[in-house]
C-alpha atoms as a PDB file:
ATOM      1  CA  MET A   1     114.367  92.712  86.517  1.00  0.00           C
ATOM      2  CA  GLU A   2     112.236  95.818  86.393  1.00  0.00           C
ATOM      3  CA  THR A   3     108.997  95.605  88.267  1.00  0.00           C
ATOM      4  CA  HIS A   4     105.838  96.446  86.275  1.00  0.00           C
ATOM      5  CA  TYR A   5     102.662  97.410  88.126  1.00  0.00           C
ATOM      6  CA  SER A   6      99.142  97.166  86.845  1.00  0.00           C
ATOM      7  CA  VAL A   7      96.178  99.266  87.896  1.00  0.00           C
ATOM      8  CA  ALA A   8      92.714  98.364  86.593  1.00  0.00           C
ATOM      9  CA  ILE A   9      90.002 101.016  86.638  1.00  0.00           C
ATOM     10  CA  ASP A  10      86.540  99.971  85.697  1.00  0.00           C
ATOM     11  CA  GLY A  11      83.261 101.664  85.813  1.00  0.00           C
ATOM     12  CA  PRO A  12      80.214 102.879  83.824  1.00  0.00           C
ATOM     13  CA  SER A  13      80.185 105.374  81.014  1.00  0.00           C
ATOM     14  CA  GLY A  14      80.807 109.020  82.238  1.00  0.00           C
ATOM     15  CA  ALA A  15      82.263 108.021  85.588  1.00  0.00           C
ATOM     16  CA  GLY A  16      85.489 110.083  84.693  1.00  0.00           C
ATOM     17  CA  LYS A  17      87.517 107.034  84.307  1.00  0.00           C
ATOM     18  CA  SER A  18      89.720 108.363  81.441  1.00  0.00           C
ATOM     19  CA  THR A  19      90.426 111.688  83.007  1.00  0.00           C
ATOM     20  CA  ILE A  20      91.218 110.236  86.550  1.00  0.00           C
ATOM     21  CA  ALA A  21      93.192 107.283  85.110  1.00  0.00           C
ATOM     22  CA  ARG A  22      95.172 109.575  82.936  1.00  0.00           C
ATOM     23  CA  ALA A  23      95.923 111.896  85.913  1.00  0.00           C
ATOM     24  CA  ALA A  24      96.798 108.963  88.174  1.00  0.00           C
ATOM     25  CA  ALA A  25      99.241 107.498  85.460  1.00  0.00           C
ATOM     26  CA  ARG A  26     101.007 110.765  85.181  1.00  0.00           C
ATOM     27  CA  ARG A  27     101.506 111.070  88.917  1.00  0.00           C
ATOM     28  CA  PHE A  28     102.894 107.693  89.212  1.00  0.00           C
ATOM     29  CA  GLY A  29     104.927 107.722  86.025  1.00  0.00           C
ATOM     30  CA  PHE A  30     102.937 104.860  84.514  1.00  0.00           C
ATOM     31  CA  ILE A  31     101.581 104.401  80.989  1.00  0.00           C
ATOM     32  CA  TYR A  32      97.895 105.274  80.634  1.00  0.00           C
ATOM     33  CA  VAL A  33      95.957 102.844  78.417  1.00  0.00           C
ATOM     34  CA  ASP A  34      92.441 104.016  77.414  1.00  0.00           C
ATOM     35  CA  THR A  35      90.824 100.763  76.308  1.00  0.00           C
ATOM     36  CA  GLY A  36      87.633 102.654  75.395  1.00  0.00           C
ATOM     37  CA  ALA A  37      89.647 104.295  72.644  1.00  0.00           C
ATOM     38  CA  ILE A  38      90.624 100.971  71.190  1.00  0.00           C
ATOM     39  CA  TYR A  39      87.084  99.887  70.765  1.00  0.00           C
ATOM     40  CA  ARG A  40      85.974 103.403  69.447  1.00  0.00           C
ATOM     41  CA  THR A  41      88.763 103.047  66.822  1.00  0.00           C
ATOM     42  CA  VAL A  42      87.278  99.663  65.755  1.00  0.00           C
ATOM     43  CA  ALA A  43      83.865 101.200  65.742  1.00  0.00           C
ATOM     44  CA  LEU A  44      84.964 104.082  63.492  1.00  0.00           C
ATOM     45  CA  ALA A  45      86.428 101.569  61.105  1.00  0.00           C
ATOM     46  CA  VAL A  46      83.201  99.564  60.946  1.00  0.00           C
ATOM     47  CA  GLU A  47      81.205 102.714  60.387  1.00  0.00           C
ATOM     48  CA  ARG A  48      83.587 103.926  57.583  1.00  0.00           C
ATOM     49  CA  GLU A  49      83.201 100.532  55.853  1.00  0.00           C
ATOM     50  CA  GLY A  50      79.493 100.676  55.984  1.00  0.00           C
ATOM     51  CA  ILE A  51      79.196  97.355  57.865  1.00  0.00           C
ATOM     52  CA  ALA A  52      76.049  97.060  60.009  1.00  0.00           C
ATOM     53  CA  PHE A  53      76.909  96.914  63.642  1.00  0.00           C
ATOM     54  CA  GLY A  54      74.769  93.925  64.186  1.00  0.00           C
ATOM     55  CA  ASP A  55      76.737  92.031  61.558  1.00  0.00           C
ATOM     56  CA  ALA A  56      79.225  90.209  63.768  1.00  0.00           C
ATOM     57  CA  ALA A  57      80.523  88.113  60.790  1.00  0.00           C
ATOM     58  CA  GLY A  58      81.071  91.288  58.762  1.00  0.00           C
ATOM     59  CA  VAL A  59      82.878  92.978  61.651  1.00  0.00           C
ATOM     60  CA  GLY A  60      84.960  89.885  62.349  1.00  0.00           C
ATOM     61  CA  ALA A  61      86.067  89.727  58.627  1.00  0.00           C
ATOM     62  CA  LEU A  62      87.216  93.334  58.861  1.00  0.00           C
ATOM     63  CA  LEU A  63      89.391  92.887  61.935  1.00  0.00           C
ATOM     64  CA  PRO A  64      92.475  91.278  60.230  1.00  0.00           C
ATOM     65  CA  GLU A  65      92.605  94.345  57.801  1.00  0.00           C
ATOM     66  CA  LEU A  66      92.916  96.889  60.675  1.00  0.00           C
ATOM     67  CA  GLU A  67      96.033  98.321  62.240  1.00  0.00           C
ATOM     68  CA  VAL A  68      95.040  99.951  65.527  1.00  0.00           C
ATOM     69  CA  SER A  69      97.859 101.504  67.388  1.00  0.00           C
ATOM     70  CA  PHE A  70      98.377 104.273  69.964  1.00  0.00           C
ATOM     71  CA  GLY A  71     101.041 106.876  70.732  1.00  0.00           C
ATOM     72  CA  TYR A  72     101.559 109.581  73.257  1.00  0.00           C
ATOM     73  CA  GLY A  73     101.974 113.313  72.480  1.00  0.00           C
ATOM     74  CA  ALA A  74     104.395 115.714  74.120  1.00  0.00           C
ATOM     75  CA  ASP A  75     101.656 116.430  76.756  1.00  0.00           C
ATOM     76  CA  GLY A  76     101.359 112.693  77.620  1.00  0.00           C
ATOM     77  CA  ALA A  77      97.978 112.483  75.991  1.00  0.00           C
ATOM     78  CA  GLN A  78      97.097 109.219  74.174  1.00  0.00           C
ATOM     79  CA  ARG A  79      96.623 109.495  70.500  1.00  0.00           C
ATOM     80  CA  ALA A  80      94.646 106.843  68.583  1.00  0.00           C
ATOM     81  CA  TYR A  81      95.682 105.716  65.058  1.00  0.00           C
ATOM     82  CA  LEU A  82      93.704 103.691  62.553  1.00  0.00           C
ATOM     83  CA  ASN A  83      95.877 102.322  59.645  1.00  0.00           C
ATOM     84  CA  GLY A  84      98.325 105.078  60.378  1.00  0.00           C
ATOM     85  CA  GLU A  85      95.732 107.883  60.568  1.00  0.00           C
ATOM     86  CA  ASP A  86      95.268 109.930  63.683  1.00  0.00           C
ATOM     87  CA  VAL A  87      91.674 109.504  64.492  1.00  0.00           C
ATOM     88  CA  THR A  88      91.778 110.763  68.173  1.00  0.00           C
ATOM     89  CA  GLY A  89      89.160 113.508  67.499  1.00  0.00           C
ATOM     90  CA  SER A  90      86.987 111.338  65.166  1.00  0.00           C
ATOM     91  CA  ILE A  91      86.366 108.612  67.819  1.00  0.00           C
ATOM     92  CA  ARG A  92      84.950 111.032  70.423  1.00  0.00           C
ATOM     93  CA  THR A  93      81.612 111.692  68.928  1.00  0.00           C
ATOM     94  CA  PRO A  94      78.292 110.472  70.607  1.00  0.00           C
ATOM     95  CA  GLU A  95      77.478 108.166  67.672  1.00  0.00           C
ATOM     96  CA  ILE A  96      80.886 106.401  67.726  1.00  0.00           C
ATOM     97  CA  SER A  97      80.520 106.172  71.605  1.00  0.00           C
ATOM     98  CA  ARG A  98      77.195 104.248  71.016  1.00  0.00           C
ATOM     99  CA  ARG A  99      78.707 102.208  68.357  1.00  0.00           C
ATOM    100  CA  ALA A 100      81.693 101.337  70.396  1.00  0.00           C
ATOM    101  CA  SER A 101      79.322  99.705  72.999  1.00  0.00           C
ATOM    102  CA  ASP A 102      77.868  97.487  70.255  1.00  0.00           C
ATOM    103  CA  VAL A 103      81.268  96.542  68.897  1.00  0.00           C
ATOM    104  CA  SER A 104      82.782  95.861  72.373  1.00  0.00           C
ATOM    105  CA  ALA A 105      80.032  93.381  72.977  1.00  0.00           C
ATOM    106  CA  MET A 106      81.234  91.158  70.217  1.00  0.00           C
ATOM    107  CA  PRO A 107      83.350  88.119  71.420  1.00  0.00           C
ATOM    108  CA  ALA A 108      85.471  88.208  68.219  1.00  0.00           C
ATOM    109  CA  VAL A 109      86.477  91.910  68.739  1.00  0.00           C
ATOM    110  CA  ARG A 110      87.235  91.319  72.418  1.00  0.00           C
ATOM    111  CA  ALA A 111      89.444  88.383  71.646  1.00  0.00           C
ATOM    112  CA  TYR A 112      91.153  90.198  68.717  1.00  0.00           C
ATOM    113  CA  LEU A 113      92.176  93.073  71.103  1.00  0.00           C
ATOM    114  CA  LEU A 114      92.763  91.133  74.269  1.00  0.00           C
ATOM    115  CA  ASP A 115      96.428  90.266  73.479  1.00  0.00           C
ATOM    116  CA  MET A 116      97.138  94.000  72.639  1.00  0.00           C
ATOM    117  CA  GLN A 117      95.953  95.152  76.052  1.00  0.00           C
ATOM    118  CA  ARG A 118      97.735  92.363  77.945  1.00  0.00           C
ATOM    119  CA  ALA A 119     100.975  92.930  76.128  1.00  0.00           C
ATOM    120  CA  MET A 120     100.997  96.585  77.273  1.00  0.00           C
ATOM    121  CA  ALA A 121     100.676  95.490  80.781  1.00  0.00           C
ATOM    122  CA  ARG A 122     103.556  93.045  80.494  1.00  0.00           C
ATOM    123  CA  SER A 123     105.799  95.616  78.938  1.00  0.00           C
ATOM    124  CA  TYR A 124     105.050  98.737  81.207  1.00  0.00           C
ATOM    125  CA  SER A 125     103.571  99.760  84.395  1.00  0.00           C
ATOM    126  CA  VAL A 126     100.109 100.788  83.395  1.00  0.00           C
ATOM    127  CA  VAL A 127      96.858 102.399  84.507  1.00  0.00           C
ATOM    128  CA  MET A 128      94.170 100.730  82.238  1.00  0.00           C
ATOM    129  CA  ASP A 129      90.620 101.778  82.267  1.00  0.00           C
ATOM    130  CA  GLY A 130      87.521 100.211  80.777  1.00  0.00           C
ATOM    131  CA  ARG A 131      84.585  98.046  81.795  1.00  0.00           C
ATOM    132  CA  ASP A 132      86.095  94.553  82.177  1.00  0.00           C
ATOM    133  CA  ILE A 133      89.691  95.291  82.967  1.00  0.00           C
ATOM    134  CA  GLY A 134      89.864  93.812  86.450  1.00  0.00           C
ATOM    135  CA  SER A 135      87.537  90.985  85.652  1.00  0.00           C
ATOM    136  CA  VAL A 136      88.720  89.835  82.140  1.00  0.00           C
ATOM    137  CA  VAL A 137      91.707  91.696  80.739  1.00  0.00           C
ATOM    138  CA  LEU A 138      93.917  91.930  83.753  1.00  0.00           C
ATOM    139  CA  PRO A 139      92.367  89.623  86.433  1.00  0.00           C
ATOM    140  CA  GLY A 140      95.713  89.604  88.206  1.00  0.00           C
ATOM    141  CA  ALA A 141      96.132  93.388  88.372  1.00  0.00           C
ATOM    142  CA  ASP A 142      97.915  94.712  91.470  1.00  0.00           C
ATOM    143  CA  VAL A 143      95.194  97.311  91.985  1.00  0.00           C
ATOM    144  CA  LYS A 144      91.562  96.984  90.975  1.00  0.00           C
ATOM    145  CA  ILE A 145      89.170 100.022  91.281  1.00  0.00           C
ATOM    146  CA  PHE A 146      85.549 100.277  90.347  1.00  0.00           C
ATOM    147  CA  LEU A 147      84.901 103.973  89.673  1.00  0.00           C
ATOM    148  CA  THR A 148      81.323 105.028  89.658  1.00  0.00           C
ATOM    149  CA  ALA A 149      78.796 107.859  90.276  1.00  0.00           C
ATOM    150  CA  SER A 150      75.053 108.333  90.008  1.00  0.00           C
ATOM    151  CA  ALA A 151      73.521 108.259  86.492  1.00  0.00           C
ATOM    152  CA  GLU A 152      72.325 111.850  87.054  1.00  0.00           C
ATOM    153  CA  CYS A 153      75.841 113.100  88.049  1.00  0.00           C
ATOM    154  CA  ARG A 154      77.560 111.382  85.031  1.00  0.00           C
ATOM    155  CA  ALA A 155      75.011 112.768  82.703  1.00  0.00           C
ATOM    156  CA  GLU A 156      75.414 116.240  83.955  1.00  0.00           C
ATOM    157  CA  ARG A 157      79.151 115.954  83.525  1.00  0.00           C
ATOM    158  CA  ARG A 158      78.835 114.712  80.049  1.00  0.00           C
ATOM    159  CA  TYR A 159      76.341 117.369  79.176  1.00  0.00           C
ATOM    160  CA  LYS A 160      78.609 120.093  80.198  1.00  0.00           C
ATOM    161  CA  GLU A 161      81.517 118.574  78.088  1.00  0.00           C
ATOM    162  CA  LEU A 162      79.297 118.273  74.953  1.00  0.00           C
ATOM    163  CA  ALA A 163      77.775 121.887  75.531  1.00  0.00           C
ATOM    164  CA  ALA A 164      81.266 123.214  75.871  1.00  0.00           C
ATOM    165  CA  ALA A 165      82.096 121.614  72.556  1.00  0.00           C
ATOM    166  CA  GLY A 166      79.114 123.200  70.859  1.00  0.00           C
ATOM    167  CA  SER A 167      76.706 120.400  70.828  1.00  0.00           C
ATOM    168  CA  ALA A 168      72.952 121.216  71.040  1.00  0.00           C
ATOM    169  CA  ILE A 169      72.042 118.094  72.820  1.00  0.00           C
ATOM    170  CA  SER A 170      69.725 118.475  75.850  1.00  0.00           C
ATOM    171  CA  ARG A 171      70.223 117.175  79.395  1.00  0.00           C
ATOM    172  CA  GLU A 172      67.403 114.884  79.147  1.00  0.00           C
ATOM    173  CA  GLU A 173      68.920 113.205  75.933  1.00  0.00           C
ATOM    174  CA  VAL A 174      72.255 112.762  77.615  1.00  0.00           C
ATOM    175  CA  LEU A 175      70.688 111.235  80.770  1.00  0.00           C
ATOM    176  CA  ARG A 176      68.725 108.832  78.632  1.00  0.00           C
ATOM    177  CA  ALA A 177      71.821 107.850  76.661  1.00  0.00           C
ATOM    178  CA  VAL A 178      73.731 107.273  79.900  1.00  0.00           C
ATOM    179  CA  ILE A 179      70.989 105.026  81.379  1.00  0.00           C
ATOM    180  CA  GLU A 180      70.658 103.111  78.021  1.00  0.00           C
ATOM    181  CA  ARG A 181      74.379 102.573  77.937  1.00  0.00           C
ATOM    182  CA  ASP A 182      74.420 101.311  81.619  1.00  0.00           C
ATOM    183  CA  GLU A 183      71.695  98.752  80.811  1.00  0.00           C
ATOM    184  CA  HIS A 184      73.472  97.587  77.570  1.00  0.00           C
ATOM    185  CA  ASP A 185      76.864  97.184  79.210  1.00  0.00           C
ATOM    186  CA  SER A 186      75.438  95.379  82.269  1.00  0.00           C
ATOM    187  CA  ARG A 187      73.324  92.942  80.339  1.00  0.00           C
ATOM    188  CA  ARG A 188      75.594  92.110  77.474  1.00  0.00           C
ATOM    189  CA  ALA A 189      76.671  88.604  77.194  1.00  0.00           C
ATOM    190  CA  ALA A 190      80.388  89.247  76.508  1.00  0.00           C
ATOM    191  CA  ALA A 191      82.261  90.762  79.432  1.00  0.00           C
ATOM    192  CA  PRO A 192      79.404  92.693  81.019  1.00  0.00           C
ATOM    193  CA  LEU A 193      80.114  95.659  83.238  1.00  0.00           C
ATOM    194  CA  THR A 194      80.543  94.268  86.754  1.00  0.00           C
ATOM    195  CA  VAL A 195      82.628  94.909  89.918  1.00  0.00           C
ATOM    196  CA  ALA A 196      85.619  92.694  89.632  1.00  0.00           C
ATOM    197  CA  GLU A 197      86.552  90.370  92.515  1.00  0.00           C
ATOM    198  CA  GLY A 198      88.860  92.293  94.892  1.00  0.00           C
ATOM    199  CA  ALA A 199      88.051  95.685  93.436  1.00  0.00           C
ATOM    200  CA  VAL A 200      87.518  98.746  95.689  1.00  0.00           C
ATOM    201  CA  VAL A 201      84.425 100.771  94.730  1.00  0.00           C
ATOM    202  CA  VAL A 202      85.057 104.554  94.597  1.00  0.00           C
ATOM    203  CA  ASP A 203      81.872 106.702  94.214  1.00  0.00           C
ATOM    204  CA  THR A 204      82.732 110.179  93.003  1.00  0.00           C
ATOM    205  CA  SER A 205      79.161 111.584  93.020  1.00  0.00           C
ATOM    206  CA  GLU A 206      79.965 113.966  95.827  1.00  0.00           C
ATOM    207  CA  LEU A 207      83.573 114.610  94.830  1.00  0.00           C
ATOM    208  CA  ASP A 208      85.037 117.091  92.447  1.00  0.00           C
ATOM    209  CA  LEU A 209      87.710 116.202  89.969  1.00  0.00           C
ATOM    210  CA  ALA A 210      90.623 117.026  92.196  1.00  0.00           C
ATOM    211  CA  GLU A 211      89.109 115.137  95.155  1.00  0.00           C
ATOM    212  CA  SER A 212      88.413 112.123  92.821  1.00  0.00           C
ATOM    213  CA  ILE A 213      91.974 111.961  91.483  1.00  0.00           C
ATOM    214  CA  GLU A 214      93.325 112.280  95.166  1.00  0.00           C
ATOM    215  CA  ALA A 215      91.036 109.405  96.296  1.00  0.00           C
ATOM    216  CA  VAL A 216      92.219 107.077  93.527  1.00  0.00           C
ATOM    217  CA  CYS A 217      95.951 107.993  93.816  1.00  0.00           C
ATOM    218  CA  SER A 218      95.846 107.446  97.526  1.00  0.00           C
ATOM    219  CA  LEU A 219      94.288 103.979  97.070  1.00  0.00           C
ATOM    220  CA  ILE A 220      96.963 103.191  94.330  1.00  0.00           C
ATOM    221  CA  SER A 221      99.759 104.478  96.660  1.00  0.00           C
ATOM    222  CA  ASP A 222      98.480 102.416  99.640  1.00  0.00           C
ATOM    223  CA  LYS A 223      98.078  99.231  97.606  1.00  0.00           C
ATOM    224  CA  LEU A 224     101.482  99.405  95.885  1.00  0.00           C
ATOM    225  CA  GLY A 225     103.407 101.054  98.619  1.00  0.00           C
ATOM    226  CA  VAL A 226     104.739 103.726  96.292  1.00  0.00           C
ATOM    227  CA  LYS A 227     104.415 107.449  96.470  1.00  0.00           C
ATOM    228  CA  ALA A 228     102.732 109.668  93.681  1.00  0.00           C
ATOM    229  CA  ASP A 229     104.291 112.837  92.472  1.00  0.00           C
ATOM    230  CA  ALA A 230     102.331 115.939  93.639  1.00  0.00           C
END
C-alpha cells in the first residue's frame, strides 16, 4: 500500500504559509492544500448572497447549496471553484480575507469542511496550511510546523504585495489589520490559532523567502526521512 505523508503548517496571517507550503509541496512531490482558500471561497459565497457575516444560522443554511472544489493548473498552482466557477482571483481581496476570518470561526462551517480536508490527506501526501491543521484537522500529522514572524514583518510583506497589485492602502492600515486578525484568530471560540502539540516553531522574521523555504524543507526532510528535490 502506498504511504501517504501529511505535513501541517499553521501560523498567523501573513506568515508566508501559503507560499512556503506550496514550495515545499512542489519539492517533495506532495499535494498542496490551501485551507485558507476554502474558507475564503465560503466567505465569497456568503457575501454574494447578501447574508450578514454574523448570521450563523443564515450561513449554515447556505452551506448545503455550495459546491466548493479545487484543481491544479499546469504550473501546479491551486485553483478555487465555487459552484463550478473559478474564483481564485475573487477570493484574494482584503475584504474577503477579513470575512474569511469571521466565517472560519463558525463551528458549522468548520464541521462542514472538515471531512473535505481530511479526505485529501487520506488520499494523497499533502502539505496543508491553515490555523488549526495540526491541532484540529490533522492532529496525527507526520510533521507539524508553526510558521510565524513579527506582526511588523508580516505587515510589511503584505503591504508590498498589495502595493504591487495597485492597492492604495497604507502601511499603517495593513499593520492594524494584521494585529486585529491575530487577536481575532487567537481569541475565537472555535479552533483558535495556537501552537499544536508537537509542532516545531519556525520564525521567519530574519529570513528571506528562499531561506524560509529551505528551513521548512529541511525540517520536513529530517522528520520524514525523505529528500526534497532541489
